Amino acid sequence: MSDPFKINGPTCISFSGGRTSAYMLWRVLQSNGGLPDEAKACFANTGKEEEATLRFVDRCSKEWGVPITWVEYADAAETKDRFRVVTFETASRDGEPFEAIIRKRNYLPNPVSRFCTVEMKVRAIHRYLKSIGWTEWDSMLGIRADEQRRLAKIGNQDYGKHEEKVAPLGRVGVTKEMVGKFWESMPFDLELPNINGVTMHGNCDLCYLKGGAQILSLIKEKPERAVWWAKMEALALALASAPDGAVFRKDRPSYAEMAKFAEQQRDMFDPQEEGIACFCGD
């Protein structure tokens, strides 16, 4: 079998900021003796990642000597390109890109309409790549062999004929256990808990696709996490043309209500509830 980490043309390595996609980037560097000129490693910041995630992306870049391009969604009123390139120092940290897309749509993303991922990650990166002259490319996604549902869906995620999605980790049988062992051997790591191979603090801090018990636990740990999400639901209530568009999830309490439950140290969800797989990354 040929090496799926070998770069043979324009390739975007999609770095979510988690351990799995970072391991994928490391494998690319090993297979190619560094990052080839025809490849770009891209991190799309939503402004709602944990600070530890941002530090990890920056550390990978510095430790491995690899340039990582940070992009953010931007409203057309701010820039006609609808994206901006930022750095660790200038990256948004209070959900500014996320709020901009909510204001543009006048309603909130939800499990059926996950436009946050599409607009802030997929299209923001696509716009950047097109701005540097790319017309066709491969997109490497950090999806492991133990994520069969996500692997099965990548062919259905059609964002344009210019891109071919590939999942080299899944192709060579990499599992979360293997990723975990890799980071145990490294001199640095993502400074977020690894629970049986799952980083529940990862991606947007209180993403509505996470299990309810997980979100409640994260609010109990750090109550201020709920402030932005409750603020967005209040904003959407004023903006939305339909009530359903004013909540992230119709099947659970609002973030303000969850914050109250957390303050009272009360449980309100099944602890066995699973989160919904998303393409934000690991």
Protein backbone atom coordinates (compact mmCIF):
# COMPACT_ATOMS: atom_id res chain seq x y z
CA MET A 1 0.00 0.00 0.00
CA SER A 2 1.31 3.43 -0.90
CA ASP A 3 1.94 5.91 1.89
CA PRO A 4 -1.31 7.92 2.32
CA PHE A 5 0.61 10.66 4.14
CA LYS A 6 2.84 11.33 1.14
CA ILE A 7 1.98 14.63 -0.56
CA ASN A 8 1.66 14.39 -4.34
CA GLY A 9 -0.04 17.68 -5.16
CA PRO A 10 -1.87 20.60 -3.56
CA THR A 11 -3.03 19.33 -0.18
CA CYS A 12 -4.66 21.00 2.80
CA ILE A 13 -4.02 19.35 6.16
CA SER A 14 -7.04 20.26 8.23
CA PHE A 15 -5.81 20.78 11.79
CA SER A 16 -8.73 21.00 14.23
CA GLY A 17 -6.49 21.73 17.19
CA GLY A 18 -6.94 18.30 18.75
CA ARG A 19 -4.59 15.39 19.36
CA THR A 20 -5.76 13.27 16.40
CA SER A 21 -5.33 15.90 13.69
CA ALA A 22 -2.02 16.97 15.26
CA TYR A 23 -0.84 13.35 15.04
CA MET A 24 -1.94 13.31 11.38
CA LEU A 25 0.15 16.43 10.75
CA TRP A 26 3.14 14.78 12.43
CA ARG A 27 2.77 11.73 10.17
CA VAL A 28 2.71 14.02 7.13
CA LEU A 29 5.92 15.69 8.28
CA GLN A 30 7.60 12.30 8.80
CA SER A 31 6.57 10.98 5.40
CA ASN A 32 7.65 14.10 3.52
CA GLY A 33 10.67 15.29 5.48
CA GLY A 34 8.75 18.38 6.53
CA LEU A 35 5.81 20.20 4.98
CA PRO A 36 6.11 20.27 1.17
CA ASP A 37 5.68 23.56 -0.66
CA GLU A 38 2.45 22.27 -2.25
CA ALA A 39 0.82 21.62 1.14
CA LYS A 40 -0.84 23.91 3.69
CA ALA A 41 -1.68 23.11 7.29
CA CYS A 42 -4.76 25.13 8.25
CA PHE A 43 -6.48 25.78 11.57
CA ALA A 44 -9.92 27.46 11.48
CA ASN A 45 -10.62 29.37 14.69
CA THR A 46 -14.22 29.98 15.80
CA GLY A 47 -13.32 32.05 18.85
CA LYS A 48 -14.90 29.46 21.15
CA GLU A 49 -12.00 27.03 21.46
CA GLU A 50 -10.35 26.58 24.84
CA GLU A 51 -7.19 28.65 25.29
CA ALA A 52 -5.31 25.35 25.72
CA THR A 53 -6.29 24.42 22.15
CA LEU A 54 -4.84 27.64 20.79
CA ARG A 55 -1.63 27.12 22.76
CA PHE A 56 -1.40 23.56 21.42
CA VAL A 57 -1.71 24.67 17.77
CA ASP A 58 0.96 27.29 18.36
CA ARG A 59 3.22 24.79 20.16
CA CYS A 60 2.94 22.20 17.36
CA SER A 61 3.99 24.86 14.87
CA LYS A 62 7.01 25.91 16.93
CA GLU A 63 8.12 22.47 18.14
CA TRP A 64 7.90 20.88 14.70
CA GLY A 65 8.99 23.90 12.67
CA VAL A 66 5.87 23.78 10.51
CA PRO A 67 3.91 26.85 9.36
CA ILE A 68 0.23 26.62 10.31
CA THR A 69 -2.16 29.10 8.74
CA TRP A 70 -4.86 30.37 11.13
CA VAL A 71 -8.07 31.50 9.43
CA GLU A 72 -11.33 32.91 10.73
CA TYR A 73 -14.71 33.58 9.16
CA ALA A 74 -15.36 37.28 8.61
CA ASP A 75 -18.52 39.06 7.54
CA ALA A 76 -18.56 40.55 4.03
CA ALA A 77 -19.00 44.01 5.58
CA GLU A 78 -15.59 43.57 7.22
CA THR A 79 -13.77 42.05 4.25
CA LYS A 80 -15.01 41.08 0.81
CA ASP A 81 -13.02 37.84 1.03
CA ARG A 82 -15.19 36.72 4.01
CA PHE A 83 -12.20 35.33 5.88
CA ARG A 84 -9.14 36.72 7.60
CA VAL A 85 -5.74 35.25 8.41
CA VAL A 86 -4.83 35.63 12.07
CA THR A 87 -2.13 34.43 14.46
CA PHE A 88 -2.02 32.98 17.96
CA GLU A 89 -1.73 36.51 19.30
CA THR A 90 -4.53 38.06 17.18
CA ALA A 91 -6.99 35.13 17.08
CA SER A 92 -10.52 35.77 18.36
CA ARG A 93 -11.20 34.46 21.85
CA ASP A 94 -14.78 35.52 22.57
CA GLY A 95 -16.72 33.88 19.74
CA GLU A 96 -16.52 36.86 17.38
CA PRO A 97 -16.53 34.78 14.13
CA PHE A 98 -19.33 32.61 15.52
CA GLU A 99 -21.47 35.62 16.46
CA ALA A 100 -20.89 37.17 13.03
CA ILE A 101 -22.29 34.12 11.23
CA ILE A 102 -25.27 33.97 13.60
CA ARG A 103 -26.05 37.61 12.87
CA LYS A 104 -25.73 36.93 9.13
CA ARG A 105 -28.14 33.98 9.26
CA ASN A 106 -30.51 35.49 11.85
CA TYR A 107 -30.86 32.13 13.58
CA LEU A 108 -28.74 29.61 15.43
CA PRO A 109 -27.09 26.48 14.05
CA ASN A 110 -28.60 23.23 15.30
CA PRO A 111 -28.15 19.46 14.86
CA VAL A 112 -30.03 19.55 11.54
CA SER A 113 -28.46 22.74 10.15
CA ARG A 114 -24.81 22.76 11.23
CA PHE A 115 -23.86 25.82 9.26
CA CYS A 116 -21.31 26.82 11.90
CA THR A 117 -18.93 24.07 10.76
CA VAL A 118 -19.58 24.76 7.08
CA GLU A 119 -19.12 28.54 7.29
CA MET A 120 -16.44 28.94 9.97
CA LYS A 121 -14.26 25.98 9.13
CA VAL A 122 -14.86 24.45 5.69
CA ARG A 123 -15.64 27.56 3.67
CA ALA A 124 -13.23 29.81 5.55
CA ILE A 125 -10.38 27.45 4.65
CA HIS A 126 -11.64 27.07 1.07
CA ARG A 127 -11.71 30.85 0.62
CA TYR A 128 -8.17 31.12 1.90
CA LEU A 129 -6.91 28.38 -0.43
CA LYS A 130 -8.62 29.97 -3.43
CA SER A 131 -7.12 33.34 -2.47
CA ILE A 132 -3.62 31.89 -2.92
CA GLY A 133 -4.51 30.54 -6.35
CA TRP A 134 -5.52 26.96 -5.62
CA THR A 135 -8.23 25.54 -7.86
CA GLU A 136 -8.19 21.84 -6.92
CA TRP A 137 -6.74 20.09 -3.88
CA ASP A 138 -6.92 17.16 -1.48
CA SER A 139 -8.17 17.83 2.04
CA MET A 140 -6.68 15.59 4.74
CA LEU A 141 -9.14 15.05 7.58
CA GLY A 142 -8.17 13.67 10.99
CA ILE A 143 -10.65 10.80 11.12
CA ARG A 144 -9.47 7.57 12.76
CA ALA A 145 -10.25 3.95 11.95
CA ASP A 146 -12.46 3.69 15.07
CA GLU A 147 -14.70 6.48 13.78
CA GLN A 148 -16.53 4.42 11.19
CA ARG A 149 -19.60 6.66 11.01
CA ARG A 150 -17.49 9.71 10.26
CA LEU A 151 -15.42 7.78 7.73
CA ALA A 152 -18.57 6.62 5.95
CA LYS A 153 -19.90 10.17 5.70
CA ILE A 154 -16.93 12.01 4.22
CA GLY A 155 -17.94 11.15 0.68
CA ASN A 156 -21.33 12.77 1.30
CA GLN A 157 -19.89 16.08 2.50
CA ASP A 158 -19.95 17.89 -0.85
CA TYR A 159 -18.67 21.47 -0.63
CA GLY A 160 -17.54 21.73 -4.23
CA LYS A 161 -15.83 19.74 -6.98
CA HIS A 162 -12.52 21.47 -6.27
CA GLU A 163 -11.84 19.33 -3.22
CA GLU A 164 -11.24 15.62 -2.64
CA LYS A 165 -11.44 14.55 1.00
CA VAL A 166 -9.06 11.88 2.27
CA ALA A 167 -8.67 10.29 5.70
CA PRO A 168 -5.18 8.77 5.89
CA LEU A 169 -5.47 7.80 9.57
CA GLY A 170 -8.55 5.70 8.88
CA ARG A 171 -6.85 4.16 5.86
CA VAL A 172 -3.89 2.85 7.87
CA GLY A 173 -5.96 1.73 10.87
CA VAL A 174 -5.00 4.38 13.43
CA THR A 175 -7.20 4.26 16.57
CA LYS A 176 -7.66 6.59 19.55
CA GLU A 177 -5.50 4.25 21.65
CA MET A 178 -2.64 4.63 19.18
CA VAL A 179 -3.00 8.41 19.20
CA GLY A 180 -3.01 8.38 23.00
CA LYS A 181 0.21 6.34 23.16
CA PHE A 182 1.86 8.71 20.69
CA TRP A 183 1.20 11.74 22.87
CA GLU A 184 2.40 9.90 25.98
CA SER A 185 5.78 9.66 24.25
CA MET A 186 5.98 13.32 23.24
CA PRO A 187 7.64 16.15 25.23
CA PHE A 188 4.44 18.25 25.04
CA ASP A 189 0.71 17.57 24.76
CA LEU A 190 -2.68 19.23 24.53
CA GLU A 191 -3.35 20.54 28.04
CA LEU A 192 -6.90 19.16 28.17
CA PRO A 193 -8.06 15.93 29.85
CA ASN A 194 -7.96 12.75 27.77
CA ILE A 195 -10.78 10.48 28.98
CA ASN A 196 -10.63 7.08 27.28
CA GLY A 197 -9.34 8.75 24.15
CA VAL A 198 -11.98 11.49 24.17
CA THR A 199 -11.22 15.16 24.80
CA MET A 200 -14.57 16.42 26.08
CA HIS A 201 -13.22 19.98 26.40
CA GLY A 202 -12.24 20.00 22.72
CA ASN A 203 -13.67 21.96 19.80
CA CYS A 204 -16.09 24.76 20.77
CA ASP A 205 -16.23 24.69 24.56
CA LEU A 206 -19.99 24.06 24.96
CA CYS A 207 -20.81 22.87 21.43
CA TYR A 208 -24.49 21.96 21.18
CA LEU A 209 -23.54 18.61 19.62
CA LYS A 210 -21.91 17.47 22.86
CA GLY A 211 -23.98 15.33 25.20
CA GLY A 212 -26.14 17.21 27.67
CA ALA A 213 -24.42 15.70 30.73
CA GLN A 214 -21.07 16.65 29.23
CA ILE A 215 -22.15 20.27 28.74
CA LEU A 216 -23.55 20.45 32.28
CA SER A 217 -20.30 19.07 33.66
CA LEU A 218 -18.28 21.67 31.74
CA ILE A 219 -20.50 24.47 33.06
CA LYS A 220 -20.13 23.21 36.63
CA GLU A 221 -16.37 23.16 36.16
CA LYS A 222 -16.28 26.72 34.79
CA PRO A 223 -19.64 28.58 35.00
CA GLU A 224 -18.50 31.47 32.80
CA ARG A 225 -18.43 29.08 29.83
CA ALA A 226 -22.22 29.35 29.62
CA VAL A 227 -22.30 33.15 29.37
CA TRP A 228 -21.57 33.45 25.62
CA TRP A 229 -23.94 30.62 24.66
CA ALA A 230 -26.80 32.08 26.70
CA LYS A 231 -26.07 35.48 25.17
CA MET A 232 -26.32 34.01 21.65
CA GLU A 233 -29.67 32.38 22.42
CA ALA A 234 -30.94 35.74 23.70
CA LEU A 235 -29.60 37.44 20.58
CA ALA A 236 -31.19 34.86 18.30
CA LEU A 237 -34.53 35.28 20.03
CA ALA A 238 -34.46 38.92 18.95
CA LEU A 239 -33.22 38.13 15.42
CA ALA A 240 -35.00 34.91 14.48
CA SER A 241 -38.09 34.90 12.30
CA ALA A 242 -39.18 31.57 13.83
CA PRO A 243 -38.92 30.43 17.49
CA ASP A 244 -37.06 27.26 16.53
CA GLY A 245 -34.21 29.41 15.28
CA ALA A 246 -33.68 30.94 18.72
CA VAL A 247 -32.23 27.86 20.38
CA PHE A 248 -29.28 25.60 19.61
CA ARG A 249 -31.29 22.51 20.61
CA LYS A 250 -35.09 22.12 20.83
CA ASP A 251 -34.73 18.87 22.78
CA ARG A 252 -32.94 20.28 25.83
CA PRO A 253 -33.08 23.34 28.11
CA SER A 254 -31.48 26.62 27.11
CA TYR A 255 -27.91 27.41 28.10
CA ALA A 256 -29.19 29.92 30.68
CA GLU A 257 -31.34 27.19 32.22
CA MET A 258 -28.44 24.73 32.20
CA ALA A 259 -26.29 27.33 33.95
CA LYS A 260 -28.92 27.57 36.70
CA PHE A 261 -29.03 23.79 37.11
CA ALA A 262 -25.25 23.69 37.26
CA GLU A 263 -25.21 26.38 39.95
CA GLN A 264 -27.61 24.23 41.98
CA GLN A 265 -25.37 21.19 41.37
CA ARG A 266 -28.32 19.29 39.93
CA ASP A 267 -28.22 16.61 37.23
CA MET A 268 -30.67 16.83 34.35
CA PHE A 269 -29.33 14.52 31.64
CA ASP A 270 -28.61 10.87 31.06
CA PRO A 271 -24.83 10.51 31.68
CA GLN A 272 -24.73 7.84 28.95
CA GLU A 273 -26.02 10.20 26.25
CA GLU A 274 -23.62 10.35 23.32
CA GLY A 275 -22.66 13.47 21.49
CA ILE A 276 -23.39 13.88 17.79
CA ALA A 277 -20.46 13.35 15.44
CA CYS A 278 -19.40 16.54 13.71
CA PHE A 279 -16.72 17.46 11.19
CA CYS A 280 -15.12 20.09 13.43
CA GLY A 281 -12.44 17.53 14.25
CA ASP A 282 -11.23 15.68 17.31
